[in-house]
C-alpha atoms as a PDB file:
ATOM      1  CA  MET A   1      54.316   1.093 -43.690  1.00  0.00           C
ATOM      2  CA  SER A   2      50.999   0.003 -45.121  1.00  0.00           C
ATOM      3  CA  ALA A   3      48.633   2.574 -46.473  1.00  0.00           C
ATOM      4  CA  ARG A   4      45.585   3.347 -44.388  1.00  0.00           C
ATOM      5  CA  VAL A   5      42.463   2.041 -46.068  1.00  0.00           C
ATOM      6  CA  ARG A   6      39.534   4.418 -45.886  1.00  0.00           C
ATOM      7  CA  VAL A   7      36.219   2.635 -45.580  1.00  0.00           C
ATOM      8  CA  PRO A   8      33.506   4.600 -47.328  1.00  0.00           C
ATOM      9  CA  SER A   9      30.430   5.362 -45.265  1.00  0.00           C
ATOM     10  CA  VAL A  10      27.152   3.815 -46.376  1.00  0.00           C
ATOM     11  CA  ARG A  11      24.200   6.140 -46.572  1.00  0.00           C
ATOM     12  CA  MET A  12      20.897   4.387 -46.123  1.00  0.00           C
ATOM     13  CA  ALA A  13      17.769   5.545 -47.832  1.00  0.00           C
ATOM     14  CA  PRO A  14      15.036   6.882 -45.520  1.00  0.00           C
ATOM     15  CA  THR A  15      12.936   3.754 -46.089  1.00  0.00           C
ATOM     16  CA  GLN A  16      15.849   1.486 -45.194  1.00  0.00           C
ATOM     17  CA  ARG A  17      16.611   3.503 -42.040  1.00  0.00           C
ATOM     18  CA  SER A  18      12.943   3.301 -41.081  1.00  0.00           C
ATOM     19  CA  GLN A  19      12.865  -0.466 -41.605  1.00  0.00           C
ATOM     20  CA  ASN A  20      16.030  -0.943 -39.531  1.00  0.00           C
ATOM     21  CA  GLY A  21      14.593   1.239 -36.775  1.00  0.00           C
ATOM     22  CA  ASP A  22      11.338  -0.711 -36.768  1.00  0.00           C
ATOM     23  CA  TYR A  23      13.268  -3.986 -36.603  1.00  0.00           C
ATOM     24  CA  ARG A  24      15.356  -2.801 -33.638  1.00  0.00           C
ATOM     25  CA  LEU A  25      12.244  -1.568 -31.873  1.00  0.00           C
ATOM     26  CA  GLN A  26      10.510  -4.875 -32.515  1.00  0.00           C
ATOM     27  CA  ARG A  27      13.489  -6.857 -31.218  1.00  0.00           C
ATOM     28  CA  GLU A  28      13.627  -4.688 -28.094  1.00  0.00           C
ATOM     29  CA  ARG A  29       9.927  -5.266 -27.531  1.00  0.00           C
ATOM     30  CA  VAL A  30      10.242  -9.033 -27.984  1.00  0.00           C
ATOM     31  CA  THR A  31      13.180  -9.056 -25.551  1.00  0.00           C
ATOM     32  CA  GLN A  32      11.092  -7.104 -23.033  1.00  0.00           C
ATOM     33  CA  ILE A  33       8.242  -9.612 -23.367  1.00  0.00           C
ATOM     34  CA  GLN A  34      10.625 -12.533 -22.852  1.00  0.00           C
ATOM     35  CA  ARG A  35      12.225 -10.820 -19.863  1.00  0.00           C
ATOM     36  CA  THR A  36       8.845 -10.164 -18.255  1.00  0.00           C
ATOM     37  CA  ARG A  37       7.794 -13.788 -18.775  1.00  0.00           C
ATOM     38  CA  MET A  38      10.969 -14.980 -17.059  1.00  0.00           C
ATOM     39  CA  LEU A  39      10.432 -12.614 -14.119  1.00  0.00           C
ATOM     40  CA  VAL A  40       6.900 -13.949 -13.654  1.00  0.00           C
ATOM     41  CA  ALA A  41       8.238 -17.518 -13.982  1.00  0.00           C
ATOM     42  CA  MET A  42      10.941 -16.837 -11.375  1.00  0.00           C
ATOM     43  CA  THR A  43       8.330 -15.428  -8.976  1.00  0.00           C
ATOM     44  CA  GLU A  44       6.093 -18.487  -9.390  1.00  0.00           C
ATOM     45  CA  ALA A  45       8.992 -20.915  -9.080  1.00  0.00           C
ATOM     46  CA  CYS A  46      10.153 -19.238  -5.852  1.00  0.00           C
ATOM     47  CA  ALA A  47       6.657 -19.536  -4.416  1.00  0.00           C
ATOM     48  CA  GLU A  48       6.433 -23.234  -5.328  1.00  0.00           C
ATOM     49  CA  HIS A  49       9.961 -24.481  -4.603  1.00  0.00           C
ATOM     50  CA  GLY A  50      11.603 -21.759  -2.501  1.00  0.00           C
ATOM     51  CA  ALA A  51      14.245 -19.326  -3.719  1.00  0.00           C
ATOM     52  CA  ALA A  52      17.141 -21.631  -2.804  1.00  0.00           C
ATOM     53  CA  GLU A  53      15.769 -24.451  -4.979  1.00  0.00           C
ATOM     54  CA  VAL A  54      14.892 -22.500  -8.123  1.00  0.00           C
ATOM     55  CA  THR A  55      16.994 -23.443 -11.154  1.00  0.00           C
ATOM     56  CA  VAL A  56      17.389 -21.890 -14.581  1.00  0.00           C
ATOM     57  CA  ALA A  57      15.753 -25.017 -16.036  1.00  0.00           C
ATOM     58  CA  ARG A  58      12.598 -24.413 -13.996  1.00  0.00           C
ATOM     59  CA  VAL A  59      12.454 -20.764 -15.020  1.00  0.00           C
ATOM     60  CA  VAL A  60      12.844 -21.339 -18.762  1.00  0.00           C
ATOM     61  CA  GLN A  61      10.333 -24.181 -18.706  1.00  0.00           C
ATOM     62  CA  ARG A  62       7.695 -22.011 -17.035  1.00  0.00           C
ATOM     63  CA  ALA A  63       8.460 -19.013 -19.238  1.00  0.00           C
ATOM     64  CA  ALA A  64       8.496 -21.133 -22.429  1.00  0.00           C
ATOM     65  CA  VAL A  65      11.843 -19.717 -23.572  1.00  0.00           C
ATOM     66  CA  SER A  66      15.177 -21.357 -24.345  1.00  0.00           C
ATOM     67  CA  ARG A  67      18.223 -21.433 -22.075  1.00  0.00           C
ATOM     68  CA  ARG A  68      20.031 -19.424 -24.743  1.00  0.00           C
ATOM     69  CA  THR A  69      17.394 -16.696 -24.466  1.00  0.00           C
ATOM     70  CA  PHE A  70      17.742 -16.741 -20.675  1.00  0.00           C
ATOM     71  CA  TYR A  71      21.502 -16.173 -20.814  1.00  0.00           C
ATOM     72  CA  GLU A  72      21.129 -13.478 -23.467  1.00  0.00           C
ATOM     73  CA  ILE A  73      19.101 -11.465 -20.949  1.00  0.00           C
ATOM     74  CA  PHE A  74      20.450 -12.529 -17.538  1.00  0.00           C
ATOM     75  CA  GLU A  75      23.973 -13.385 -16.506  1.00  0.00           C
ATOM     76  CA  ASP A  76      22.836 -16.099 -14.102  1.00  0.00           C
ATOM     77  CA  ARG A  77      20.047 -17.296 -11.822  1.00  0.00           C
ATOM     78  CA  GLU A  78      20.910 -14.752  -9.126  1.00  0.00           C
ATOM     79  CA  GLU A  79      20.587 -11.812 -11.510  1.00  0.00           C
ATOM     80  CA  CYS A  80      17.166 -13.065 -12.639  1.00  0.00           C
ATOM     81  CA  LEU A  81      16.057 -13.489  -9.017  1.00  0.00           C
ATOM     82  CA  LEU A  82      17.200  -9.987  -8.121  1.00  0.00           C
ATOM     83  CA  ALA A  83      15.384  -8.584 -11.168  1.00  0.00           C
ATOM     84  CA  ALA A  84      12.218 -10.437 -10.131  1.00  0.00           C
ATOM     85  CA  VAL A  85      12.417  -8.891  -6.653  1.00  0.00           C
ATOM     86  CA  ASP A  86      12.996  -5.424  -8.125  1.00  0.00           C
ATOM     87  CA  HIS A  87      10.095  -5.982 -10.540  1.00  0.00           C
ATOM     88  CA  ALA A  88       7.771  -7.001  -7.699  1.00  0.00           C
ATOM     89  CA  VAL A  89       8.865  -4.187  -5.372  1.00  0.00           C
ATOM     90  CA  ALA A  90       8.448  -1.564  -8.120  1.00  0.00           C
ATOM     91  CA  GLY A  91       4.869  -2.716  -8.658  1.00  0.00           C
ATOM     92  CA  LEU A  92       4.098  -2.631  -4.941  1.00  0.00           C
ATOM     93  CA  GLU A  93       5.591   0.842  -4.513  1.00  0.00           C
ATOM     94  CA  GLU A  94       3.539   2.087  -7.455  1.00  0.00           C
ATOM     95  CA  SER A  95       0.330   0.710  -5.921  1.00  0.00           C
ATOM     96  CA  LEU A  96       1.053   2.143  -2.486  1.00  0.00           C
ATOM     97  CA  ARG A  97       1.827   5.613  -3.861  1.00  0.00           C
ATOM     98  CA  ALA A  98      -1.280   5.639  -6.043  1.00  0.00           C
ATOM     99  CA  ALA A  99      -3.512   4.486  -3.197  1.00  0.00           C
ATOM    100  CA  SER A 100      -2.311   7.026  -0.629  1.00  0.00           C
ATOM    101  CA  ALA A 101      -1.654  10.062  -2.847  1.00  0.00           C
ATOM    102  CA  ALA A 102      -5.050  11.681  -2.303  1.00  0.00           C
ATOM    103  CA  GLU A 103      -5.109  11.260   1.492  1.00  0.00           C
ATOM    104  CA  ARG A 104      -4.217  14.241   3.678  1.00  0.00           C
ATOM    105  CA  SER A 105      -3.737  12.822   7.159  1.00  0.00           C
ATOM    106  CA  TRP A 106      -0.951  10.448   8.098  1.00  0.00           C
ATOM    107  CA  SER A 107      -3.326   7.761   9.400  1.00  0.00           C
ATOM    108  CA  ALA A 108      -5.459   7.907   6.231  1.00  0.00           C
ATOM    109  CA  ARG A 109      -2.333   7.527   4.062  1.00  0.00           C
ATOM    110  CA  MET A 110      -1.215   4.577   6.168  1.00  0.00           C
ATOM    111  CA  ARG A 111      -4.604   2.886   5.883  1.00  0.00           C
ATOM    112  CA  ALA A 112      -4.870   3.395   2.112  1.00  0.00           C
ATOM    113  CA  ALA A 113      -1.323   2.160   1.523  1.00  0.00           C
ATOM    114  CA  LEU A 114      -1.742  -0.851   3.806  1.00  0.00           C
ATOM    115  CA  ALA A 115      -5.028  -1.812   2.133  1.00  0.00           C
ATOM    116  CA  ALA A 116      -3.359  -1.608  -1.273  1.00  0.00           C
ATOM    117  CA  LEU A 117      -0.448  -3.742  -0.049  1.00  0.00           C
ATOM    118  CA  LEU A 118      -2.686  -6.424   1.445  1.00  0.00           C
ATOM    119  CA  LEU A 119      -4.830  -6.572  -1.677  1.00  0.00           C
ATOM    120  CA  GLU A 120      -1.778  -6.875  -3.931  1.00  0.00           C
ATOM    121  CA  LEU A 121      -0.328  -9.678  -1.817  1.00  0.00           C
ATOM    122  CA  GLN A 122      -3.716 -11.368  -1.543  1.00  0.00           C
ATOM    123  CA  SER A 123      -4.355 -11.325  -5.299  1.00  0.00           C
ATOM    124  CA  GLU A 124      -0.820 -12.440  -6.221  1.00  0.00           C
ATOM    125  CA  PRO A 125       0.294 -15.208  -3.826  1.00  0.00           C
ATOM    126  CA  GLY A 126       3.538 -15.815  -5.715  1.00  0.00           C
ATOM    127  CA  LEU A 127       4.526 -12.181  -5.393  1.00  0.00           C
ATOM    128  CA  ALA A 128       3.576 -12.229  -1.704  1.00  0.00           C
ATOM    129  CA  ARG A 129       5.715 -15.278  -1.039  1.00  0.00           C
ATOM    130  CA  LEU A 130       8.662 -13.821  -2.948  1.00  0.00           C
ATOM    131  CA  CYS A 131       8.631 -10.416  -1.209  1.00  0.00           C
ATOM    132  CA  ILE A 132       7.768 -11.451   2.358  1.00  0.00           C
ATOM    133  CA  VAL A 133       9.179 -14.971   2.742  1.00  0.00           C
ATOM    134  CA  GLU A 134      11.735 -15.872   0.097  1.00  0.00           C
ATOM    135  CA  THR A 135      13.755 -12.651   0.184  1.00  0.00           C
ATOM    136  CA  LEU A 136      14.959 -13.720   3.638  1.00  0.00           C
ATOM    137  CA  LYS A 137      16.624 -16.796   2.098  1.00  0.00           C
ATOM    138  CA  ALA A 138      17.971 -15.380  -1.141  1.00  0.00           C
ATOM    139  CA  GLY A 139      21.446 -14.098  -0.267  1.00  0.00           C
ATOM    140  CA  PRO A 140      23.048 -10.761   0.643  1.00  0.00           C
ATOM    141  CA  VAL A 141      22.241  -8.825  -2.550  1.00  0.00           C
ATOM    142  CA  VAL A 142      18.516  -9.582  -2.349  1.00  0.00           C
ATOM    143  CA  LEU A 143      18.561  -8.927   1.407  1.00  0.00           C
ATOM    144  CA  GLU A 144      19.991  -5.478   0.669  1.00  0.00           C
ATOM    145  CA  ARG A 145      17.088  -4.800  -1.699  1.00  0.00           C
ATOM    146  CA  ARG A 146      14.692  -5.890   1.042  1.00  0.00           C
ATOM    147  CA  ARG A 147      16.389  -3.528   3.488  1.00  0.00           C
ATOM    148  CA  GLN A 148      15.975  -0.627   1.045  1.00  0.00           C
ATOM    149  CA  LEU A 149      12.246  -1.315   0.808  1.00  0.00           C
ATOM    150  CA  LEU A 150      11.974  -1.536   4.597  1.00  0.00           C
ATOM    151  CA  ASP A 151      13.702   1.843   4.887  1.00  0.00           C
ATOM    152  CA  VAL A 152      10.950   3.364   2.730  1.00  0.00           C
ATOM    153  CA  LEU A 153       8.222   1.782   4.878  1.00  0.00           C
ATOM    154  CA  VAL A 154       9.922   2.841   8.127  1.00  0.00           C
ATOM    155  CA  ALA A 155      10.212   6.439   6.881  1.00  0.00           C
ATOM    156  CA  ALA A 156       6.496   6.499   6.021  1.00  0.00           C
ATOM    157  CA  VAL A 157       5.490   5.170   9.441  1.00  0.00           C
ATOM    158  CA  ASP A 158       7.922   7.514  11.213  1.00  0.00           C
ATOM    159  CA  GLU A 159       5.905  10.476   9.898  1.00  0.00           C
ATOM    160  CA  GLY A 160       3.474   9.590  12.697  1.00  0.00           C
ATOM    161  CA  ARG A 161       5.848  11.249  15.178  1.00  0.00           C
ATOM    162  CA  GLY A 162       4.703  14.615  13.842  1.00  0.00           C
ATOM    163  CA  GLU A 163       1.018  13.954  14.592  1.00  0.00           C
ATOM    164  CA  SER A 164       0.997  15.132  18.217  1.00  0.00           C
ATOM    165  CA  LYS A 165       3.190  16.537  20.983  1.00  0.00           C
ATOM    166  CA  ARG A 166       3.073  13.143  22.669  1.00  0.00           C
ATOM    167  CA  SER A 167       4.316  11.284  19.627  1.00  0.00           C
ATOM    168  CA  LEU A 168       7.220  13.712  19.167  1.00  0.00           C
ATOM    169  CA  LEU A 169       8.757  12.186  22.294  1.00  0.00           C
ATOM    170  CA  LEU A 170       8.925   8.742  20.671  1.00  0.00           C
ATOM    171  CA  PRO A 171      12.306   7.559  19.315  1.00  0.00           C
ATOM    172  CA  PRO A 172      12.728   6.898  15.557  1.00  0.00           C
ATOM    173  CA  LEU A 173      13.246   3.240  16.469  1.00  0.00           C
ATOM    174  CA  THR A 174       9.487   3.023  17.119  1.00  0.00           C
ATOM    175  CA  ALA A 175       8.779   2.947  13.385  1.00  0.00           C
ATOM    176  CA  GLU A 176      11.271   0.113  12.869  1.00  0.00           C
ATOM    177  CA  GLY A 177       9.502  -1.894  15.548  1.00  0.00           C
ATOM    178  CA  VAL A 178       6.086  -1.239  14.017  1.00  0.00           C
ATOM    179  CA  VAL A 179       7.185  -2.245  10.496  1.00  0.00           C
ATOM    180  CA  GLY A 180       9.041  -5.291  11.805  1.00  0.00           C
ATOM    181  CA  GLY A 181       5.980  -6.410  13.756  1.00  0.00           C
ATOM    182  CA  ALA A 182       3.657  -5.990  10.781  1.00  0.00           C
ATOM    183  CA  LEU A 183       6.001  -7.981   8.524  1.00  0.00           C
ATOM    184  CA  ALA A 184       6.249 -10.728  11.140  1.00  0.00           C
ATOM    185  CA  VAL A 185       2.442 -11.031  11.134  1.00  0.00           C
ATOM    186  CA  LEU A 186       2.349 -11.234   7.326  1.00  0.00           C
ATOM    187  CA  HIS A 187       5.217 -13.734   7.270  1.00  0.00           C
ATOM    188  CA  ALA A 188       3.409 -16.011   9.732  1.00  0.00           C
ATOM    189  CA  ARG A 189       0.125 -15.790   7.805  1.00  0.00           C
ATOM    190  CA  LEU A 190       1.816 -16.681   4.503  1.00  0.00           C
ATOM    191  CA  LEU A 191       3.630 -19.643   6.052  1.00  0.00           C
ATOM    192  CA  GLU A 192       0.372 -20.766   7.597  1.00  0.00           C
ATOM    193  CA  ASP A 193      -1.167 -20.887   4.087  1.00  0.00           C
ATOM    194  CA  SER A 194      -4.657 -21.022   5.565  1.00  0.00           C
ATOM    195  CA  GLY A 195      -6.403 -19.440   2.606  1.00  0.00           C
ATOM    196  CA  ARG A 196      -7.825 -16.686   4.790  1.00  0.00           C
ATOM    197  CA  PRO A 197      -7.866 -13.284   3.043  1.00  0.00           C
ATOM    198  CA  LEU A 198      -5.005 -10.995   4.014  1.00  0.00           C
ATOM    199  CA  LEU A 199      -7.367  -8.022   3.960  1.00  0.00           C
ATOM    200  CA  GLU A 200      -8.840  -9.183   7.273  1.00  0.00           C
ATOM    201  CA  LEU A 201      -5.558  -8.050   8.833  1.00  0.00           C
ATOM    202  CA  LEU A 202      -6.146  -4.422   7.808  1.00  0.00           C
ATOM    203  CA  ASN A 203      -7.857  -3.223  10.987  1.00  0.00           C
ATOM    204  CA  PRO A 204      -5.622  -5.064  13.504  1.00  0.00           C
ATOM    205  CA  LEU A 205      -2.450  -3.946  11.732  1.00  0.00           C
ATOM    206  CA  MET A 206      -3.688  -0.356  11.501  1.00  0.00           C
ATOM    207  CA  ALA A 207      -4.470  -0.381  15.225  1.00  0.00           C
ATOM    208  CA  MET A 208      -0.928  -1.601  15.867  1.00  0.00           C
ATOM    209  CA  ILE A 209       0.544   1.121  13.620  1.00  0.00           C
ATOM    210  CA  VAL A 210      -1.334   4.119  15.035  1.00  0.00           C
ATOM    211  CA  HIS A 211      -1.325   3.141  18.709  1.00  0.00           C
ATOM    212  CA  PRO A 212       2.181   4.434  19.586  1.00  0.00           C
ATOM    213  CA  TYR A 213       1.583   7.737  17.797  1.00  0.00           C
ATOM    214  CA  LEU A 214      -2.115   8.547  18.267  1.00  0.00           C
ATOM    215  CA  GLY A 215      -3.038   6.565  21.362  1.00  0.00           C
ATOM    216  CA  GLN A 216      -5.578   3.943  22.399  1.00  0.00           C
ATOM    217  CA  ALA A 217      -8.699   5.761  21.205  1.00  0.00           C
ATOM    218  CA  ALA A 218      -7.367   6.040  17.640  1.00  0.00           C
ATOM    219  CA  ALA A 219      -6.343   2.367  17.704  1.00  0.00           C
ATOM    220  CA  LEU A 220      -9.852   1.337  18.783  1.00  0.00           C
ATOM    221  CA  ARG A 221     -11.346   3.406  15.950  1.00  0.00           C
ATOM    222  CA  GLU A 222      -9.143   1.569  13.475  1.00  0.00           C
ATOM    223  CA  LEU A 223     -10.277  -1.771  14.853  1.00  0.00           C
ATOM    224  CA  SER A 224     -13.931  -0.900  14.264  1.00  0.00           C
ATOM    225  CA  SER A 225     -13.501   0.713  10.824  1.00  0.00           C
ATOM    226  CA  ALA A 226     -15.338  -0.681   7.816  1.00  0.00           C
ATOM    227  CA  VAL A 227     -13.179  -2.713   5.437  1.00  0.00           C
ATOM    228  CA  SER A 228     -13.849  -2.490   1.710  1.00  0.00           C
ATOM    229  CA  ALA A 229     -12.877  -5.387  -0.539  1.00  0.00           C
ATOM    230  CA  VAL A 230     -12.403  -3.080  -3.515  1.00  0.00           C
ATOM    231  CA  ASP A 231      -8.844  -2.701  -4.781  1.00  0.00           C
ATOM    232  CA  PRO A 232      -8.109   1.050  -4.371  1.00  0.00           C
ATOM    233  CA  VAL A 233      -5.760   0.977  -7.369  1.00  0.00           C
ATOM    234  CA  GLY A 234      -8.117  -0.937  -9.642  1.00  0.00           C
ATOM    235  CA  ARG A 235      -5.517  -3.452 -10.805  1.00  0.00           C
ATOM    236  CA  ALA A 236      -6.458  -6.869 -12.054  1.00  0.00           C
ATOM    237  CA  GLY A 237      -5.715  -9.690  -9.640  1.00  0.00           C
ATOM    238  CA  VAL A 238      -4.116 -12.048 -12.147  1.00  0.00           C
ATOM    239  CA  ALA A 239      -0.892 -13.658 -10.927  1.00  0.00           C
ATOM    240  CA  ASP A 240       0.338 -14.813 -14.353  1.00  0.00           C
ATOM    241  CA  PRO A 241      -1.964 -13.420 -17.060  1.00  0.00           C
ATOM    242  CA  PHE A 242       0.046 -15.192 -19.789  1.00  0.00           C
ATOM    243  CA  LYS A 243      -0.503 -18.669 -18.376  1.00  0.00           C
ATOM    244  CA  GLY A 244      -2.186 -21.003 -20.851  1.00  0.00           C
ATOM    245  CA  LEU A 245      -2.672 -18.394 -23.557  1.00  0.00           C
ATOM    246  CA  PRO A 246      -2.454 -20.006 -27.033  1.00  0.00           C
ATOM    247  CA  ILE A 247      -1.026 -16.875 -28.615  1.00  0.00           C
ATOM    248  CA  ARG A 248       2.476 -15.577 -29.292  1.00  0.00           C
ATOM    249  CA  PHE A 249       3.047 -12.038 -28.046  1.00  0.00           C
ATOM    250  CA  THR A 250       4.839 -10.161 -30.785  1.00  0.00           C
ATOM    251  CA  TYR A 251       5.651  -6.475 -30.997  1.00  0.00           C
ATOM    252  CA  ARG A 252       2.559  -5.995 -33.168  1.00  0.00           C
ATOM    253  CA  THR A 253       0.305  -7.778 -30.675  1.00  0.00           C
ATOM    254  CA  THR A 254       1.480  -5.628 -27.793  1.00  0.00           C
ATOM    255  CA  ARG A 255       0.932  -2.462 -29.839  1.00  0.00           C
ATOM    256  CA  VAL A 256      -2.656  -3.509 -30.502  1.00  0.00           C
ATOM    257  CA  LEU A 257      -3.280  -4.121 -26.785  1.00  0.00           C
ATOM    258  CA  ALA A 258      -1.649  -0.780 -25.927  1.00  0.00           C
ATOM    259  CA  THR A 259      -3.839   1.007 -28.484  1.00  0.00           C
ATOM    260  CA  ILE A 260      -7.044  -0.506 -27.095  1.00  0.00           C
ATOM    261  CA  ALA A 261      -5.912   0.270 -23.529  1.00  0.00           C
ATOM    262  CA  SER A 262      -5.330   3.939 -24.362  1.00  0.00           C
ATOM    263  CA  THR A 263      -8.380   4.270 -26.655  1.00  0.00           C
ATOM    264  CA  PRO A 264     -11.309   2.255 -25.265  1.00  0.00           C
ATOM    265  CA  SER A 265     -14.089   1.622 -27.802  1.00  0.00           C
ATOM    266  CA  ALA A 266     -11.651   1.979 -30.703  1.00  0.00           C
ATOM    267  CA  SER A 267     -12.848   0.538 -34.014  1.00  0.00           C
ATOM    268  CA  ASN A 268     -10.872  -1.851 -36.223  1.00  0.00           C
ATOM    269  CA  ARG A 269      -9.701   1.044 -38.361  1.00  0.00           C
ATOM    270  CA  GLU A 270      -8.622   3.159 -35.386  1.00  0.00           C
ATOM    271  CA  VAL A 271      -6.685   0.268 -33.863  1.00  0.00           C
ATOM    272  CA  ALA A 272      -5.028  -0.502 -37.211  1.00  0.00           C
ATOM    273  CA  GLU A 273      -3.947   3.100 -37.769  1.00  0.00           C
ATOM    274  CA  ALA A 274      -2.511   3.503 -34.263  1.00  0.00           C
ATOM    275  CA  ALA A 275      -0.761   0.107 -34.348  1.00  0.00           C
ATOM    276  CA  GLY A 276       0.613   0.651 -37.851  1.00  0.00           C
ATOM    277  CA  ILE A 277      -1.131  -2.321 -39.499  1.00  0.00           C
ATOM    278  CA  ALA A 278      -2.135  -1.506 -43.066  1.00  0.00           C
ATOM    279  CA  ASP A 279      -3.656  -4.883 -44.027  1.00  0.00           C
ATOM    280  CA  GLU A 280      -7.343  -4.892 -43.002  1.00  0.00           C
ATOM    281  CA  GLY A 281      -7.590  -8.684 -43.187  1.00  0.00           C
ATOM    282  CA  GLN A 282      -4.540  -9.109 -40.975  1.00  0.00           C
ATOM    283  CA  MET A 283      -5.961  -6.624 -38.482  1.00  0.00           C
ATOM    284  CA  SER A 284      -9.313  -8.426 -38.352  1.00  0.00           C
ATOM    285  CA  ARG A 285      -7.667 -11.817 -37.847  1.00  0.00           C
ATOM    286  CA  LEU A 286      -5.499 -10.511 -35.011  1.00  0.00           C
ATOM    287  CA  LEU A 287      -8.464  -8.895 -33.265  1.00  0.00           C
ATOM    288  CA  ARG A 288     -10.497 -12.111 -33.584  1.00  0.00           C
ATOM    289  CA  ARG A 289      -7.580 -14.082 -32.129  1.00  0.00           C
ATOM    290  CA  LEU A 290      -7.287 -11.699 -29.166  1.00  0.00           C
ATOM    291  CA  GLU A 291     -11.051 -11.866 -28.633  1.00  0.00           C
ATOM    292  CA  LYS A 292     -10.971 -15.674 -28.719  1.00  0.00           C
ATOM    293  CA  CYS A 293      -8.236 -15.611 -26.050  1.00  0.00           C
ATOM    294  CA  GLU A 294     -10.553 -13.345 -23.987  1.00  0.00           C
ATOM    295  CA  LEU A 295      -8.049 -10.489 -23.907  1.00  0.00           C
ATOM    296  CA  ILE A 296     -10.383  -8.029 -25.646  1.00  0.00           C
ATOM    297  CA  GLU A 297     -14.127  -7.749 -26.044  1.00  0.00           C
ATOM    298  CA  ASN A 298     -16.375  -5.985 -28.490  1.00  0.00           C
ATOM    299  CA  ARG A 299     -18.642  -3.563 -26.635  1.00  0.00           C
ATOM    300  CA  GLY A 300     -20.001  -1.864 -29.736  1.00  0.00           C
ATOM    301  CA  GLU A 301     -22.453  -2.727 -32.462  1.00  0.00           C
ATOM    302  CA  GLY A 302     -19.949  -4.471 -34.673  1.00  0.00           C
ATOM    303  CA  ARG A 303     -21.920  -7.679 -34.613  1.00  0.00           C
ATOM    304  CA  VAL A 304     -24.548  -5.860 -36.651  1.00  0.00           C
ATOM    305  CA  LYS A 305     -23.345  -5.822 -40.224  1.00  0.00           C
ATOM    306  CA  GLY A 306     -22.055  -2.435 -41.288  1.00  0.00           C
ATOM    307  CA  GLU A 307     -21.660  -1.018 -37.779  1.00  0.00           C
ATOM    308  CA  PRO A 308     -18.177  -0.364 -36.316  1.00  0.00           C
ATOM    309  CA  ASN A 309     -16.664  -2.451 -33.556  1.00  0.00           C
ATOM    310  CA  ALA A 310     -15.766  -0.925 -30.191  1.00  0.00           C
ATOM    311  CA  TRP A 311     -12.918  -2.841 -28.588  1.00  0.00           C
ATOM    312  CA  ARG A 312     -12.057  -2.856 -24.889  1.00  0.00           C
ATOM    313  CA  LEU A 313      -9.570  -4.840 -22.817  1.00  0.00           C
ATOM    314  CA  THR A 314     -10.960  -7.575 -20.594  1.00  0.00           C
ATOM    315  CA  GLU A 315      -9.655  -7.982 -17.039  1.00  0.00           C
ATOM    316  CA  ARG A 316      -7.094 -10.495 -18.269  1.00  0.00           C
ATOM    317  CA  GLY A 317      -6.192  -8.312 -21.246  1.00  0.00           C
ATOM    318  CA  ALA A 318      -5.615  -5.376 -18.891  1.00  0.00           C
ATOM    319  CA  ALA A 319      -3.378  -7.581 -16.722  1.00  0.00           C
ATOM    320  CA  VAL A 320      -1.334  -8.670 -19.761  1.00  0.00           C
ATOM    321  CA  HIS A 321      -0.990  -5.076 -20.955  1.00  0.00           C
ATOM    322  CA  HIS A 322      -0.132  -3.917 -17.430  1.00  0.00           C
ATOM    323  CA  THR A 323       2.581  -6.576 -17.082  1.00  0.00           C
ATOM    324  CA  LEU A 324       4.125  -5.673 -20.431  1.00  0.00           C
ATOM    325  CA  ASP A 325       3.858  -1.883 -20.299  1.00  0.00           C
ATOM    326  CA  VAL A 326       3.446  -0.598 -16.762  1.00  0.00           C
ATOM    327  CA  ARG A 327       5.585  -2.857 -14.631  1.00  0.00           C
ATOM    328  CA  ARG A 328       8.425  -3.360 -17.039  1.00  0.00           C
ATOM    329  CA  ALA A 329      11.740  -3.370 -15.293  1.00  0.00           C
END
């Protein structure tokens, strides 16, 4: 019997452990960036070609990654498509919750959530097409995800049965009919591709939603309500904020954007310290590159020699940061 060979353990120095940890974190961040780019590419490709016609080749070309990278992250096209749907739905749910959280009455919550939904779909046509149109053609797994989202919407609408004694007599099926009708209207409008803003549907859809529960008078009030074009969640309407950017998004770049997002008006030194960049020249070059790409802007007095800069994210910079950090799957 052969003797058992004992392999001695290797103890790394603190500096070595720190370097290995930083490398793993950087690789994870790069992988997350690549994954997000492919999800955006899948969404756009579905909108342009239809879910049934999207290929891995089209996704990797749009995302500017290799096929090898694609298959390191996703098992196949279907898994990427499902992840894109989940990614889109998570963002929509976040917007709807944020928009309606402060409202007390059921009808006010419905109106705030519906406005947020219409604005999201209006500002991101690819996402709208994916969630409303293409999920119907994408196979049983994606259809199940769609059904789960519809269950959430139906439950929210069904709360209207508690608004009056009259509405308590309505069957739960009423909410399914209301949600189904609203989705049918959106589906038809997106197929029509008329260019008309989806927000103009807010009042008619709200009238349709409240009528079974609150009656004709409430529906008429919804029809005559003022419609604001301001996004209640304050999110940038940029479908693919990465498109055409002549910059490679590394772990360090994303940390700089995250620092500026969390600390508006930060100076070069403050950004460098928070992002862990010791080289002042390197920090200055990176900030100038981000400014040239119109992802950040200097709102301070830094253009006067000797005065500190005050960096803020632009609308596009906020959309890039949001895509990387807030809506990560």
